[in-house]
Amino acid sequence: MRALVQTVSRASVTVDGAIVGEIKDGLLVLVGVTHDDTPAKAAELARKTWELRVLEDRSAADLTAPLLVISQFTLYGDARKGRRPSWSAAAPAEAAEPLIEEYVTALRARGATVETGRFRAHMLVESVNVGPCTVLLEL
């Protein structure tokens, strides 16, 4: 699994003209799943995300900062050859969706306030990055 974590002053996700998730002063997390990922990896990635010290040297756990989690299969895009990325390293939706849900559940079990996008929907994601600070976590 991969998580691209960004510190934000605000972030939101809109589907079909309606805001379905919105946070202030927290973390925007784009999460991708590959073929060999497991629920254990999802739980470990949630722990790492929650405890990552990127909010003025403090973690979301320290500050009880909210998270906006968006599924993002394109984190496994491979553009090394040609001009069209390959998505073959991304897990199929049927395998990825339960692992994204496991990741969100694990964050909430740690006390996180988590907003989400909608799996398989065309989403408009808006954010105002702070720093900017962007960190890639990978298991």
N, C-alpha and C. Protein backbone atom coordinates (compact mmCIF):
# COMPACT_ATOMS: atom_id res chain seq x y z
N MET A 1 0.85 -1.19 0.00
CA MET A 1 0.00 0.00 0.00
C MET A 1 0.89 1.23 0.00
N ARG A 2 0.33 2.27 -0.57
CA ARG A 2 0.98 3.57 -0.59
C ARG A 2 0.00 4.63 -0.10
N ALA A 3 0.54 5.58 0.65
CA ALA A 3 -0.26 6.73 1.08
C ALA A 3 0.55 7.99 0.81
N LEU A 4 -0.02 8.89 0.06
CA LEU A 4 0.59 10.19 -0.17
C LEU A 4 -0.09 11.15 0.80
N VAL A 5 0.66 11.61 1.78
CA VAL A 5 0.12 12.39 2.89
C VAL A 5 0.52 13.86 2.71
N GLN A 6 -0.47 14.75 2.74
CA GLN A 6 -0.22 16.18 2.62
C GLN A 6 -0.82 16.92 3.81
N THR A 7 -0.07 17.86 4.34
CA THR A 7 -0.61 18.72 5.38
C THR A 7 -1.45 19.80 4.70
N VAL A 8 -2.65 20.03 5.23
CA VAL A 8 -3.56 20.98 4.59
C VAL A 8 -4.22 21.89 5.63
N SER A 9 -4.51 23.11 5.21
CA SER A 9 -5.33 23.98 6.06
C SER A 9 -6.80 23.69 5.83
N ARG A 10 -7.09 23.19 4.60
CA ARG A 10 -8.44 22.70 4.31
C ARG A 10 -8.38 21.80 3.09
N ALA A 11 -9.33 20.87 3.04
CA ALA A 11 -9.45 19.97 1.89
C ALA A 11 -10.88 19.47 1.84
N SER A 12 -11.33 19.23 0.61
CA SER A 12 -12.68 18.71 0.43
C SER A 12 -12.72 17.82 -0.80
N VAL A 13 -13.75 16.99 -0.84
CA VAL A 13 -13.99 16.14 -2.00
C VAL A 13 -15.46 16.26 -2.37
N THR A 14 -15.69 16.47 -3.67
CA THR A 14 -17.04 16.67 -4.19
C THR A 14 -17.36 15.56 -5.19
N VAL A 15 -18.56 15.01 -5.09
CA VAL A 15 -19.06 14.00 -6.03
C VAL A 15 -20.43 14.46 -6.51
N ASP A 16 -20.62 14.50 -7.80
CA ASP A 16 -21.91 14.91 -8.39
C ASP A 16 -22.40 16.24 -7.84
N GLY A 17 -21.49 17.20 -7.66
CA GLY A 17 -21.86 18.53 -7.22
C GLY A 17 -22.07 18.70 -5.73
N ALA A 18 -21.93 17.63 -4.95
CA ALA A 18 -22.14 17.72 -3.50
C ALA A 18 -20.84 17.38 -2.76
N ILE A 19 -20.52 18.16 -1.76
CA ILE A 19 -19.34 17.86 -0.93
C ILE A 19 -19.66 16.63 -0.09
N VAL A 20 -18.82 15.59 -0.21
CA VAL A 20 -19.04 14.35 0.54
C VAL A 20 -18.02 14.18 1.67
N GLY A 21 -16.97 15.00 1.68
CA GLY A 21 -15.98 14.96 2.74
C GLY A 21 -15.25 16.28 2.79
N GLU A 22 -14.96 16.75 4.01
CA GLU A 22 -14.32 18.05 4.16
C GLU A 22 -13.61 18.11 5.51
N ILE A 23 -12.39 18.66 5.52
CA ILE A 23 -11.65 18.84 6.78
C ILE A 23 -10.97 20.20 6.80
N LYS A 24 -10.53 20.59 8.00
CA LYS A 24 -9.70 21.79 8.19
C LYS A 24 -8.53 21.40 9.09
N ASP A 25 -7.36 21.97 8.79
CA ASP A 25 -6.16 21.79 9.61
C ASP A 25 -5.88 20.32 9.92
N GLY A 26 -5.58 19.58 8.89
CA GLY A 26 -5.31 18.15 9.07
C GLY A 26 -4.49 17.58 7.94
N LEU A 27 -4.81 16.34 7.57
CA LEU A 27 -4.06 15.61 6.55
C LEU A 27 -4.98 15.14 5.43
N LEU A 28 -4.56 15.43 4.21
CA LEU A 28 -5.19 14.85 3.03
C LEU A 28 -4.35 13.62 2.69
N VAL A 29 -5.00 12.46 2.59
CA VAL A 29 -4.28 11.21 2.37
C VAL A 29 -4.84 10.52 1.14
N LEU A 30 -4.00 10.38 0.11
CA LEU A 30 -4.36 9.62 -1.08
C LEU A 30 -3.79 8.23 -0.90
N VAL A 31 -4.63 7.20 -1.03
CA VAL A 31 -4.22 5.83 -0.72
C VAL A 31 -4.38 4.93 -1.94
N GLY A 32 -3.30 4.21 -2.25
CA GLY A 32 -3.32 3.24 -3.35
C GLY A 32 -3.06 1.84 -2.84
N VAL A 33 -3.63 0.86 -3.53
CA VAL A 33 -3.52 -0.54 -3.14
C VAL A 33 -2.93 -1.33 -4.30
N THR A 34 -2.01 -2.25 -3.99
CA THR A 34 -1.46 -3.14 -5.00
C THR A 34 -1.87 -4.57 -4.71
N HIS A 35 -1.45 -5.49 -5.55
CA HIS A 35 -1.96 -6.87 -5.53
C HIS A 35 -1.66 -7.66 -4.26
N ASP A 36 -0.53 -7.44 -3.63
CA ASP A 36 -0.17 -8.26 -2.47
C ASP A 36 -0.49 -7.60 -1.13
N ASP A 37 -1.30 -6.56 -1.14
CA ASP A 37 -1.66 -5.89 0.11
C ASP A 37 -2.66 -6.72 0.91
N THR A 38 -2.62 -6.52 2.23
CA THR A 38 -3.44 -7.29 3.16
C THR A 38 -4.07 -6.36 4.20
N PRO A 39 -5.06 -6.86 4.95
CA PRO A 39 -5.61 -6.07 6.04
C PRO A 39 -4.53 -5.67 7.07
N ALA A 40 -3.56 -6.52 7.30
CA ALA A 40 -2.48 -6.19 8.24
C ALA A 40 -1.68 -4.99 7.73
N LYS A 41 -1.42 -4.95 6.44
CA LYS A 41 -0.71 -3.80 5.86
C LYS A 41 -1.55 -2.54 5.98
N ALA A 42 -2.85 -2.66 5.77
CA ALA A 42 -3.74 -1.51 5.90
C ALA A 42 -3.70 -0.96 7.32
N ALA A 43 -3.73 -1.83 8.30
CA ALA A 43 -3.68 -1.41 9.71
C ALA A 43 -2.34 -0.76 10.05
N GLU A 44 -1.26 -1.31 9.53
CA GLU A 44 0.07 -0.73 9.79
C GLU A 44 0.21 0.62 9.11
N LEU A 45 -0.29 0.74 7.90
CA LEU A 45 -0.23 2.03 7.21
C LEU A 45 -1.07 3.07 7.95
N ALA A 46 -2.19 2.67 8.50
CA ALA A 46 -3.02 3.58 9.30
C ALA A 46 -2.25 4.06 10.52
N ARG A 47 -1.57 3.14 11.20
CA ARG A 47 -0.77 3.52 12.37
C ARG A 47 0.30 4.53 11.98
N LYS A 48 1.02 4.24 10.89
CA LYS A 48 2.09 5.14 10.45
C LYS A 48 1.54 6.51 10.08
N THR A 49 0.43 6.54 9.41
CA THR A 49 -0.18 7.81 9.01
C THR A 49 -0.58 8.62 10.24
N TRP A 50 -1.26 8.00 11.18
CA TRP A 50 -1.77 8.65 12.39
C TRP A 50 -0.64 9.18 13.25
N GLU A 51 0.49 8.48 13.27
CA GLU A 51 1.62 8.86 14.13
C GLU A 51 2.70 9.66 13.42
N LEU A 52 2.54 9.92 12.11
CA LEU A 52 3.53 10.66 11.33
C LEU A 52 3.63 12.09 11.82
N ARG A 53 4.84 12.52 12.17
CA ARG A 53 5.04 13.85 12.75
C ARG A 53 5.35 14.87 11.66
N VAL A 54 4.30 15.35 11.02
CA VAL A 54 4.45 16.34 9.94
C VAL A 54 3.66 17.62 10.20
N LEU A 55 2.97 17.70 11.31
CA LEU A 55 2.19 18.89 11.66
C LEU A 55 2.95 19.68 12.70
N GLU A 56 3.91 20.49 12.21
CA GLU A 56 4.79 21.25 13.09
C GLU A 56 5.46 20.34 14.11
N ASP A 57 6.03 19.24 13.62
CA ASP A 57 6.73 18.22 14.39
C ASP A 57 5.83 17.48 15.37
N ARG A 58 4.55 17.50 15.08
CA ARG A 58 3.60 16.72 15.85
C ARG A 58 2.79 15.86 14.90
N SER A 59 2.14 14.86 15.44
CA SER A 59 1.35 13.95 14.61
C SER A 59 -0.12 14.33 14.66
N ALA A 60 -0.88 13.75 13.73
CA ALA A 60 -2.33 13.92 13.78
C ALA A 60 -2.86 13.38 15.10
N ALA A 61 -2.24 12.29 15.60
CA ALA A 61 -2.64 11.73 16.89
C ALA A 61 -2.42 12.73 18.02
N ASP A 62 -1.28 13.42 18.01
CA ASP A 62 -0.98 14.40 19.05
C ASP A 62 -2.01 15.53 19.08
N LEU A 63 -2.44 15.94 17.88
CA LEU A 63 -3.31 17.11 17.76
C LEU A 63 -4.78 16.75 17.54
N THR A 64 -5.08 15.46 17.46
CA THR A 64 -6.39 14.95 17.04
C THR A 64 -6.86 15.66 15.77
N ALA A 65 -5.92 15.81 14.84
CA ALA A 65 -6.21 16.46 13.56
C ALA A 65 -7.02 15.52 12.67
N PRO A 66 -7.95 16.04 11.90
CA PRO A 66 -8.77 15.21 11.02
C PRO A 66 -8.00 14.78 9.77
N LEU A 67 -8.51 13.73 9.13
CA LEU A 67 -7.93 13.23 7.89
C LEU A 67 -9.02 13.12 6.83
N LEU A 68 -8.65 13.45 5.61
CA LEU A 68 -9.52 13.21 4.46
C LEU A 68 -8.83 12.15 3.62
N VAL A 69 -9.43 10.97 3.53
CA VAL A 69 -8.84 9.83 2.83
C VAL A 69 -9.54 9.63 1.49
N ILE A 70 -8.72 9.59 0.44
CA ILE A 70 -9.23 9.43 -0.92
C ILE A 70 -8.53 8.23 -1.56
N SER A 71 -9.30 7.28 -2.08
CA SER A 71 -8.70 6.16 -2.80
C SER A 71 -8.09 6.68 -4.09
N GLN A 72 -6.89 6.17 -4.42
CA GLN A 72 -6.15 6.73 -5.55
C GLN A 72 -5.32 5.63 -6.22
N PHE A 73 -5.97 4.86 -7.11
CA PHE A 73 -5.25 3.76 -7.76
C PHE A 73 -4.09 4.26 -8.60
N THR A 74 -4.14 5.53 -9.02
CA THR A 74 -3.08 6.06 -9.88
C THR A 74 -1.74 6.20 -9.16
N LEU A 75 -1.72 6.03 -7.83
CA LEU A 75 -0.43 6.01 -7.12
C LEU A 75 0.43 4.84 -7.57
N TYR A 76 -0.19 3.85 -8.19
CA TYR A 76 0.55 2.70 -8.72
C TYR A 76 0.71 2.77 -10.24
N GLY A 77 0.56 3.95 -10.81
CA GLY A 77 0.80 4.13 -12.23
C GLY A 77 2.30 4.04 -12.52
N ASP A 78 2.64 3.45 -13.66
CA ASP A 78 4.03 3.32 -14.07
C ASP A 78 4.19 3.97 -15.44
N ALA A 79 4.92 5.08 -15.49
CA ALA A 79 5.10 5.82 -16.73
C ALA A 79 6.55 5.77 -17.22
N ARG A 80 7.28 4.72 -16.83
CA ARG A 80 8.68 4.63 -17.24
C ARG A 80 8.83 4.37 -18.73
N LYS A 81 7.87 3.70 -19.34
CA LYS A 81 7.95 3.40 -20.77
C LYS A 81 6.84 4.14 -21.51
N GLY A 82 7.19 4.71 -22.61
CA GLY A 82 6.19 5.36 -23.45
C GLY A 82 5.58 6.59 -22.81
N ARG A 83 4.41 6.97 -23.33
CA ARG A 83 3.74 8.17 -22.84
C ARG A 83 2.45 7.87 -22.10
N ARG A 84 2.03 6.61 -22.10
CA ARG A 84 0.79 6.24 -21.43
C ARG A 84 1.12 5.39 -20.21
N PRO A 85 0.70 5.83 -19.01
CA PRO A 85 1.00 5.03 -17.82
C PRO A 85 0.33 3.67 -17.85
N SER A 86 0.98 2.72 -17.24
CA SER A 86 0.39 1.39 -17.03
C SER A 86 -0.18 1.36 -15.62
N TRP A 87 -1.34 0.75 -15.48
CA TRP A 87 -1.99 0.65 -14.17
C TRP A 87 -1.95 -0.78 -13.65
N SER A 88 -1.11 -1.62 -14.24
CA SER A 88 -1.12 -3.05 -13.90
C SER A 88 -0.70 -3.33 -12.46
N ALA A 89 0.05 -2.45 -11.83
CA ALA A 89 0.46 -2.68 -10.44
C ALA A 89 -0.66 -2.34 -9.44
N ALA A 90 -1.69 -1.63 -9.89
CA ALA A 90 -2.81 -1.29 -9.01
C ALA A 90 -3.73 -2.50 -8.85
N ALA A 91 -4.17 -2.73 -7.64
CA ALA A 91 -5.10 -3.83 -7.39
C ALA A 91 -6.44 -3.52 -8.04
N PRO A 92 -7.17 -4.54 -8.49
CA PRO A 92 -8.51 -4.28 -9.03
C PRO A 92 -9.43 -3.73 -7.94
N ALA A 93 -10.44 -3.01 -8.37
CA ALA A 93 -11.35 -2.35 -7.43
C ALA A 93 -11.93 -3.31 -6.40
N GLU A 94 -12.26 -4.53 -6.82
CA GLU A 94 -12.87 -5.50 -5.91
C GLU A 94 -11.93 -5.88 -4.76
N ALA A 95 -10.63 -5.83 -5.00
CA ALA A 95 -9.65 -6.13 -3.96
C ALA A 95 -9.27 -4.87 -3.19
N ALA A 96 -9.24 -3.73 -3.87
CA ALA A 96 -8.77 -2.49 -3.25
C ALA A 96 -9.81 -1.89 -2.29
N GLU A 97 -11.07 -1.92 -2.66
CA GLU A 97 -12.08 -1.26 -1.85
C GLU A 97 -12.12 -1.75 -0.41
N PRO A 98 -12.13 -3.08 -0.15
CA PRO A 98 -12.14 -3.51 1.25
C PRO A 98 -10.87 -3.12 2.02
N LEU A 99 -9.75 -3.00 1.33
CA LEU A 99 -8.51 -2.61 2.01
C LEU A 99 -8.51 -1.11 2.34
N ILE A 100 -9.09 -0.31 1.47
CA ILE A 100 -9.25 1.12 1.78
C ILE A 100 -10.18 1.26 2.99
N GLU A 101 -11.26 0.50 3.00
CA GLU A 101 -12.19 0.54 4.15
C GLU A 101 -11.49 0.07 5.42
N GLU A 102 -10.64 -0.95 5.32
CA GLU A 102 -9.87 -1.43 6.48
C GLU A 102 -8.94 -0.33 6.99
N TYR A 103 -8.30 0.38 6.09
CA TYR A 103 -7.42 1.49 6.45
C TYR A 103 -8.20 2.56 7.23
N VAL A 104 -9.35 2.95 6.72
CA VAL A 104 -10.17 3.97 7.38
C VAL A 104 -10.66 3.46 8.74
N THR A 105 -11.09 2.22 8.80
CA THR A 105 -11.55 1.64 10.06
C THR A 105 -10.43 1.62 11.10
N ALA A 106 -9.22 1.29 10.66
CA ALA A 106 -8.06 1.25 11.58
C ALA A 106 -7.73 2.65 12.09
N LEU A 107 -7.84 3.66 11.24
CA LEU A 107 -7.62 5.04 11.69
C LEU A 107 -8.66 5.43 12.73
N ARG A 108 -9.91 5.13 12.44
CA ARG A 108 -10.99 5.48 13.38
C ARG A 108 -10.83 4.74 14.71
N ALA A 109 -10.35 3.51 14.66
CA ALA A 109 -10.14 2.73 15.89
C ALA A 109 -9.07 3.38 16.76
N ARG A 110 -8.18 4.14 16.16
CA ARG A 110 -7.13 4.86 16.91
C ARG A 110 -7.62 6.21 17.41
N GLY A 111 -8.84 6.57 17.08
CA GLY A 111 -9.41 7.83 17.55
C GLY A 111 -9.46 8.93 16.51
N ALA A 112 -9.11 8.62 15.28
CA ALA A 112 -9.08 9.64 14.23
C ALA A 112 -10.48 10.00 13.75
N THR A 113 -10.64 11.27 13.42
CA THR A 113 -11.81 11.75 12.69
C THR A 113 -11.45 11.64 11.22
N VAL A 114 -12.19 10.83 10.48
CA VAL A 114 -11.85 10.56 9.08
C VAL A 114 -13.04 10.86 8.19
N GLU A 115 -12.81 11.70 7.20
CA GLU A 115 -13.75 11.93 6.11
C GLU A 115 -13.22 11.16 4.91
N THR A 116 -14.09 10.79 3.99
CA THR A 116 -13.65 10.02 2.82
C THR A 116 -14.34 10.53 1.56
N GLY A 117 -13.74 10.09 0.45
CA GLY A 117 -14.39 10.28 -0.84
C GLY A 117 -15.31 9.10 -1.07
N ARG A 118 -15.66 8.87 -2.34
CA ARG A 118 -16.50 7.73 -2.71
C ARG A 118 -15.73 6.85 -3.66
N PHE A 119 -15.60 5.60 -3.30
CA PHE A 119 -14.88 4.65 -4.12
C PHE A 119 -15.56 4.53 -5.49
N ARG A 120 -14.77 4.50 -6.54
CA ARG A 120 -15.19 4.36 -7.94
C ARG A 120 -15.96 5.58 -8.47
N ALA A 121 -16.04 6.65 -7.72
CA ALA A 121 -16.73 7.84 -8.21
C ALA A 121 -15.73 8.80 -8.84
N HIS A 122 -16.22 9.64 -9.73
CA HIS A 122 -15.40 10.73 -10.26
C HIS A 122 -15.42 11.82 -9.20
N MET A 123 -14.29 12.09 -8.60
CA MET A 123 -14.21 13.01 -7.47
C MET A 123 -13.44 14.27 -7.86
N LEU A 124 -13.88 15.39 -7.33
CA LEU A 124 -13.14 16.64 -7.43
C LEU A 124 -12.54 16.89 -6.06
N VAL A 125 -11.23 16.87 -5.97
CA VAL A 125 -10.54 17.05 -4.70
C VAL A 125 -9.90 18.43 -4.69
N GLU A 126 -10.21 19.19 -3.67
CA GLU A 126 -9.60 20.52 -3.50
C GLU A 126 -8.83 20.53 -2.20
N SER A 127 -7.67 21.21 -2.23
CA SER A 127 -6.88 21.30 -0.99
C SER A 127 -6.04 22.55 -1.01
N VAL A 128 -5.74 23.03 0.19
CA VAL A 128 -4.78 24.11 0.38
C VAL A 128 -3.67 23.51 1.23
N ASN A 129 -2.54 23.27 0.58
CA ASN A 129 -1.41 22.63 1.25
C ASN A 129 -0.69 23.61 2.15
N VAL A 130 -0.23 23.11 3.28
CA VAL A 130 0.52 23.90 4.24
C VAL A 130 1.96 23.45 4.17
N GLY A 131 2.85 24.40 4.07
CA GLY A 131 4.28 24.10 4.02
C GLY A 131 4.89 24.48 2.69
N PRO A 132 4.61 23.80 1.62
CA PRO A 132 3.85 22.55 1.54
C PRO A 132 4.67 21.37 2.05
N CYS A 133 3.95 20.41 2.57
CA CYS A 133 4.58 19.19 3.08
C CYS A 133 3.83 17.99 2.48
N THR A 134 4.57 17.18 1.75
CA THR A 134 4.01 15.96 1.15
C THR A 134 4.96 14.81 1.41
N VAL A 135 4.44 13.71 1.97
CA VAL A 135 5.27 12.55 2.32
C VAL A 135 4.62 11.31 1.74
N LEU A 136 5.45 10.45 1.12
CA LEU A 136 4.98 9.18 0.61
C LEU A 136 5.30 8.07 1.61
N LEU A 137 4.27 7.39 2.07
CA LEU A 137 4.43 6.23 2.94
C LEU A 137 4.18 4.99 2.10
N GLU A 138 5.00 3.98 2.28
CA GLU A 138 4.83 2.76 1.49
C GLU A 138 5.17 1.56 2.31
N LEU A 139 4.33 0.52 2.20
CA LEU A 139 4.57 -0.75 2.88
C LEU A 139 4.68 -1.84 1.84
